[in-house]
Protein backbone atom coordinates (compact mmCIF):
# COMPACT_ATOMS: atom_id res chain seq x y z
CA MET A 1 48.16 21.97 52.24
CA THR A 2 45.09 19.78 51.70
CA GLY A 3 42.21 21.63 53.28
CA PHE A 4 40.73 24.71 51.67
CA ILE A 5 37.49 26.15 50.32
CA SER A 6 37.37 27.46 46.78
CA TRP A 7 35.18 30.58 46.93
CA ASN A 8 33.86 31.48 43.49
CA VAL A 9 30.41 32.93 44.23
CA ASP A 10 29.27 35.48 41.65
CA PRO A 11 28.84 38.85 43.42
CA GLU A 12 25.87 39.57 41.14
CA ILE A 13 22.52 37.95 41.84
CA PHE A 14 21.16 38.92 38.42
CA SER A 15 21.47 41.66 35.83
CA LEU A 16 18.98 43.22 33.43
CA GLY A 17 20.58 45.44 30.84
CA CYS A 18 22.60 48.09 32.63
CA PHE A 19 21.01 47.23 35.99
CA SER A 20 22.47 44.55 38.23
CA LEU A 21 21.60 43.50 41.76
CA ARG A 22 24.60 42.47 43.84
CA TRP A 23 24.63 40.41 47.01
CA TYR A 24 26.33 43.29 48.82
CA SER A 25 23.54 45.71 47.94
CA MET A 26 20.82 43.24 48.90
CA LEU A 27 22.46 42.48 52.28
CA PHE A 28 22.96 46.22 52.86
CA MET A 29 19.25 46.84 52.27
CA LEU A 30 18.28 43.83 54.39
CA ALA A 31 20.23 45.31 57.29
CA PHE A 32 18.11 48.47 57.16
CA VAL A 33 14.84 46.56 56.77
CA LEU A 34 15.45 44.23 59.73
CA GLY A 35 16.84 47.13 61.75
CA TYR A 36 13.65 49.09 61.10
CA PHE A 37 11.44 46.29 62.43
CA ILE A 38 13.59 45.82 65.53
CA MET A 39 13.46 49.53 66.27
CA LYS A 40 9.73 49.52 65.60
CA THR A 41 9.30 46.90 68.34
CA ILE A 42 11.39 49.03 70.71
CA PHE A 43 9.46 52.20 69.92
CA ARG A 44 6.10 50.50 70.44
CA GLN A 45 7.28 48.96 73.70
CA GLU A 46 8.30 52.39 74.99
CA GLY A 47 5.32 54.25 73.59
CA VAL A 48 7.31 56.25 71.06
CA PRO A 49 5.43 57.47 67.95
CA ILE A 50 6.34 55.38 64.90
CA LYS A 51 6.47 58.50 62.73
CA LEU A 52 9.57 59.47 64.72
CA LEU A 53 11.19 56.18 63.66
CA ASP A 54 10.41 56.90 60.02
CA ARG A 55 12.37 60.15 60.25
CA LEU A 56 15.15 58.46 62.23
CA THR A 57 15.55 55.85 59.48
CA TRP A 58 16.34 58.52 56.90
CA TYR A 59 18.93 60.06 59.21
CA MET A 60 20.53 56.62 59.58
CA ILE A 61 20.57 55.95 55.84
CA PHE A 62 22.18 59.25 54.93
CA GLY A 63 24.55 59.20 57.92
CA THR A 64 25.75 55.71 57.04
CA LEU A 65 26.27 56.30 53.33
CA ILE A 66 27.81 59.76 53.59
CA GLY A 67 30.04 58.80 56.51
CA ALA A 68 31.20 55.55 54.91
CA ARG A 69 32.05 57.29 51.64
CA LEU A 70 33.88 60.21 53.26
CA GLY A 71 35.67 57.81 55.61
CA HIS A 72 37.11 55.85 52.71
CA CYS A 73 38.13 58.93 50.74
CA LEU A 74 39.70 60.75 53.70
CA PHE A 75 41.24 57.88 55.69
CA TYR A 76 42.26 55.39 53.00
CA ASP A 77 42.63 57.13 49.65
CA TRP A 78 43.13 60.85 50.26
CA LEU A 79 46.26 61.03 48.08
CA TYR A 80 44.00 60.28 45.12
CA PHE A 81 40.83 62.10 46.08
CA ARG A 82 42.53 65.34 47.10
CA ASN A 83 43.08 65.85 43.36
CA HIS A 84 39.70 64.41 42.37
CA ILE A 85 37.31 66.04 44.84
CA LEU A 86 34.30 65.74 42.55
CA GLU A 87 34.67 61.96 42.42
CA ILE A 88 33.99 61.77 46.17
CA PHE A 89 30.40 62.81 45.52
CA ILE A 90 29.58 61.41 42.08
CA PRO A 91 29.74 57.73 40.95
CA PHE A 92 32.05 58.48 38.01
CA THR A 93 35.80 58.58 37.52
CA GLN A 94 37.78 60.49 34.92
CA SER A 95 39.84 58.45 32.46
CA PRO A 96 41.62 59.13 29.15
CA ASN A 97 38.37 58.12 27.45
CA GLY A 98 36.26 60.57 29.45
CA TRP A 99 34.04 59.99 32.46
CA GLU A 100 33.23 56.37 33.28
CA PHE A 101 30.60 55.06 35.68
CA THR A 102 32.21 53.26 38.62
CA GLY A 103 29.59 53.43 41.36
CA TYR A 104 30.64 54.56 44.81
CA ALA A 105 33.56 52.15 45.06
CA GLY A 106 35.06 52.47 48.49
CA LEU A 107 33.18 52.57 51.80
CA ALA A 108 34.78 52.59 55.25
CA SER A 109 33.06 51.21 58.35
CA HIS A 110 34.80 53.67 60.68
CA GLY A 111 33.52 56.51 58.53
CA ALA A 112 30.05 54.98 58.69
CA GLY A 113 30.32 54.91 62.49
CA LEU A 114 31.23 58.59 62.62
CA GLY A 115 28.48 59.40 60.13
CA ILE A 116 25.90 57.57 62.24
CA LEU A 117 27.01 59.35 65.42
CA ALA A 118 26.77 62.72 63.67
CA ALA A 119 23.38 61.92 62.10
CA LEU A 120 21.91 60.75 65.41
CA PHE A 121 23.24 63.85 67.17
CA ILE A 122 21.54 66.08 64.59
CA PHE A 123 18.37 64.00 64.93
CA SER A 124 18.41 64.36 68.72
CA ARG A 125 18.76 68.13 68.44
CA PHE A 126 16.05 68.62 65.81
CA GLU A 127 13.63 66.19 67.46
CA ASP A 128 14.54 67.25 71.03
CA ARG A 129 15.24 63.66 72.14
CA PRO A 130 18.02 62.44 74.50
CA TYR A 131 21.13 61.55 72.49
CA LEU A 132 22.18 58.63 74.70
CA TRP A 133 18.64 57.25 74.68
CA ILE A 134 18.89 56.96 70.90
CA LEU A 135 22.45 55.59 70.92
CA ASP A 136 21.68 52.81 73.40
CA ARG A 137 18.89 51.47 71.22
CA MET A 138 20.53 51.95 67.85
CA THR A 139 23.53 49.86 68.91
CA ILE A 140 21.36 46.75 68.60
CA VAL A 141 20.59 47.25 64.92
CA VAL A 142 24.03 48.64 64.03
CA ALA A 143 25.67 45.46 65.36
CA LEU A 144 23.30 43.40 63.20
CA SER A 145 24.13 45.60 60.22
CA GLY A 146 27.82 44.86 60.75
CA PHE A 147 27.04 41.16 60.29
CA PHE A 148 25.29 41.78 56.94
CA ILE A 149 27.97 44.16 55.67
CA ARG A 150 30.78 41.69 56.31
CA MET A 151 28.78 38.92 54.64
CA GLY A 152 28.43 41.28 51.69
CA ASN A 153 32.22 41.66 51.66
CA LEU A 154 32.46 37.86 51.55
CA MET A 155 30.12 37.71 48.56
CA ASN A 156 32.31 40.34 46.86
CA SER A 157 35.48 38.32 47.62
CA GLU A 158 37.04 41.41 49.25
CA ILE A 159 38.70 42.40 52.54
CA PHE A 160 40.04 38.90 53.19
CA GLY A 161 42.92 37.80 55.37
CA LEU A 162 46.50 36.68 55.02
CA PRO A 163 47.52 33.16 53.93
CA THR A 164 46.77 30.32 56.35
CA ASP A 165 47.38 26.57 56.62
CA LEU A 166 44.10 26.07 58.49
CA SER A 167 41.63 23.67 56.90
CA TRP A 168 38.98 26.39 56.50
CA GLY A 169 41.24 28.67 54.45
CA PHE A 170 39.44 30.27 51.50
CA LYS A 171 40.69 30.56 47.92
CA PHE A 172 39.16 33.78 46.61
CA VAL A 173 39.56 32.80 42.98
CA LEU A 174 37.45 35.68 41.59
CA SER A 175 39.56 38.37 43.25
CA PRO A 176 42.52 39.77 41.23
CA LYS A 177 44.14 40.77 44.52
CA TRP A 178 44.20 37.13 45.65
CA TYR A 179 46.73 36.30 42.91
CA GLN A 180 49.10 39.12 43.88
CA PRO A 181 51.83 39.10 46.58
CA PRO A 182 51.80 38.54 49.49
CA ILE A 183 48.78 36.25 48.91
CA SER A 184 50.02 34.66 45.67
CA ALA A 185 47.03 32.32 45.29
CA GLN A 186 47.30 30.74 48.75
CA PRO A 187 44.30 29.87 50.96
CA CYS A 188 43.51 32.81 53.22
CA HIS A 189 41.77 33.56 56.49
CA PRO A 190 38.09 34.30 55.73
CA THR A 191 38.22 37.35 57.99
CA GLN A 192 34.84 38.50 56.68
CA ILE A 193 33.29 35.45 58.37
CA TYR A 194 35.29 35.98 61.57
CA GLU A 195 33.97 39.52 61.87
CA ALA A 196 30.43 38.70 60.70
CA LEU A 197 29.95 35.95 63.30
CA SER A 198 31.48 38.15 66.01
CA TYR A 199 29.11 41.01 65.18
CA LEU A 200 26.17 38.61 65.12
CA GLY A 201 27.14 37.43 68.62
CA ILE A 202 27.39 41.05 69.80
CA PHE A 203 23.94 41.73 68.33
CA VAL A 204 22.50 38.80 70.32
CA TRP A 205 24.23 40.09 73.46
CA LEU A 206 22.89 43.63 73.04
CA PHE A 207 19.45 42.28 72.13
CA TRP A 208 19.41 40.37 75.42
CA MET A 209 20.68 43.41 77.32
CA TYR A 210 17.64 45.36 76.16
CA PHE A 211 14.86 42.77 75.90
CA GLY A 212 16.06 40.23 78.45
CA LYS A 213 17.11 42.54 81.27
CA ASN A 214 14.79 42.88 84.27
CA LYS A 215 12.88 46.06 83.41
CA GLU A 216 12.64 46.94 87.08
CA LYS A 217 16.44 47.30 87.11
CA PRO A 218 17.46 48.40 83.61
CA TYR A 219 21.02 49.21 82.66
CA SER A 220 22.15 52.77 83.23
CA THR A 221 21.90 54.93 80.13
CA GLY A 222 25.12 54.70 78.11
CA ILE A 223 26.05 51.18 79.22
CA MET A 224 24.75 49.54 76.04
CA PHE A 225 26.48 52.14 73.90
CA GLY A 226 29.75 51.62 75.77
CA THR A 227 29.40 47.84 75.48
CA PHE A 228 28.83 48.18 71.75
CA LEU A 229 31.89 50.40 71.18
CA VAL A 230 34.29 48.27 73.21
CA SER A 231 33.14 44.91 71.80
CA ILE A 232 32.73 45.86 68.14
CA PHE A 233 35.96 47.79 67.78
CA THR A 234 38.04 45.39 69.88
CA ILE A 235 36.99 42.62 67.50
CA ARG A 236 37.85 44.86 64.55
CA PHE A 237 41.24 45.72 66.09
CA LEU A 238 42.15 42.05 66.65
CA VAL A 239 40.94 40.71 63.30
CA GLU A 240 43.02 43.35 61.50
CA PHE A 241 46.14 41.41 62.52
CA LEU A 242 44.96 38.62 60.21
CA LYS A 243 44.13 40.87 57.24
CA ASP A 244 46.16 41.85 54.24
CA ASN A 245 46.83 45.57 53.92
CA GLN A 246 43.92 47.35 52.27
CA VAL A 247 46.03 50.23 50.94
CA ASP A 248 49.71 50.57 50.04
CA PHE A 249 50.60 53.18 52.66
CA GLU A 250 49.84 50.66 55.43
CA LYS A 251 52.90 48.58 54.51
CA GLY A 252 55.48 48.75 57.28
CA MET A 253 53.06 50.28 59.81
CA ALA A 254 52.92 48.65 63.25
CA LEU A 255 49.16 49.17 63.27
CA ASN A 256 47.09 49.61 60.14
CA MET A 257 44.54 52.35 59.56
CA GLY A 258 41.62 50.18 60.70
CA GLN A 259 43.34 49.55 64.04
CA ILE A 260 44.36 53.18 64.53
CA LEU A 261 40.79 54.34 63.89
CA SER A 262 39.42 51.68 66.28
CA ILE A 263 41.40 52.88 69.30
CA PRO A 264 39.42 56.13 69.90
CA PHE A 265 36.13 54.19 69.70
CA ILE A 266 37.38 51.64 72.24
CA LEU A 267 38.54 54.36 74.64
CA CYS A 268 35.22 56.16 74.28
CA GLY A 269 33.39 52.91 75.05
CA ILE A 270 35.52 52.32 78.16
CA TYR A 271 34.68 55.84 79.33
CA PHE A 272 30.95 55.17 79.09
CA LEU A 273 31.23 51.78 80.81
CA VAL A 274 33.23 53.23 83.71
CA SER A 275 31.42 56.55 84.14
CA LYS A 276 27.87 55.33 83.60
CA LYS A 277 28.29 52.24 85.79
CA LYS A 278 28.79 54.55 88.77
CA THR A 279 25.36 56.08 88.21
CA ASN A 280 21.89 54.60 88.09
CA ASN A 281 20.61 57.24 85.72
CA VAL A 282 18.20 55.76 83.19
CA ILE A 283 16.93 58.14 80.53
CA ARG A 284 13.42 57.27 79.40
CA TYR A 285 11.49 58.52 76.44
CA GLU A 286 9.14 61.36 77.26
């Protein structure tokens, strides 16, 4: 086994006293900043007041963070959190030495997806705007966010794949999990990069669907949302076959939790692609 990449990037960019800035946090923030400017271009193009985007951004932030946190606690670690409910909401954990600061360790992308859908639905009701109109446009920036989040996982040396003999296998030398079975210090699939590049490609595709499509014959409302769901979660479903189990209860399962949670999203996306393709209904902002 001669080809491999030793990945030993420090997850912290810098630290000052008790404050530290991590690559993951910076990439997470960058996703929101770039997403804001893309949506600002869309809103201006369609004559939508920018103040509406400012409110939408807060819905997205809270929907993403709350959904991602609840998704992890409920889908991946409920056996622990059912007895530590308070720790779901506060960045501390109880130990024999008292309460210790841990940050909000544990975020789940499927939970973030559900949180975003819920937040946008609430936004559409309070602002009296078409739900599918919002979803079609938000898919562009959410796909881009997926790219940054997975690159953040790479910088954290987390959520990597199973051992591989391929020349681009990564040695995640800073991760304690990398030294444990079944990895046992072998080069692994850099599944973070696989997903990140896939999501970046989907972002480009959706970007073209909106900005490059002949505006005289735009896609029916819901087509972009359906395209997003099918493409994003099919990639997630397939890449999971190359990943190590994230939690112990997944051992022995034919499909892991990430794959099981992806299936409803894929089916929902297929529904929108099939049902909306039969119509030429295009919802416009009014």
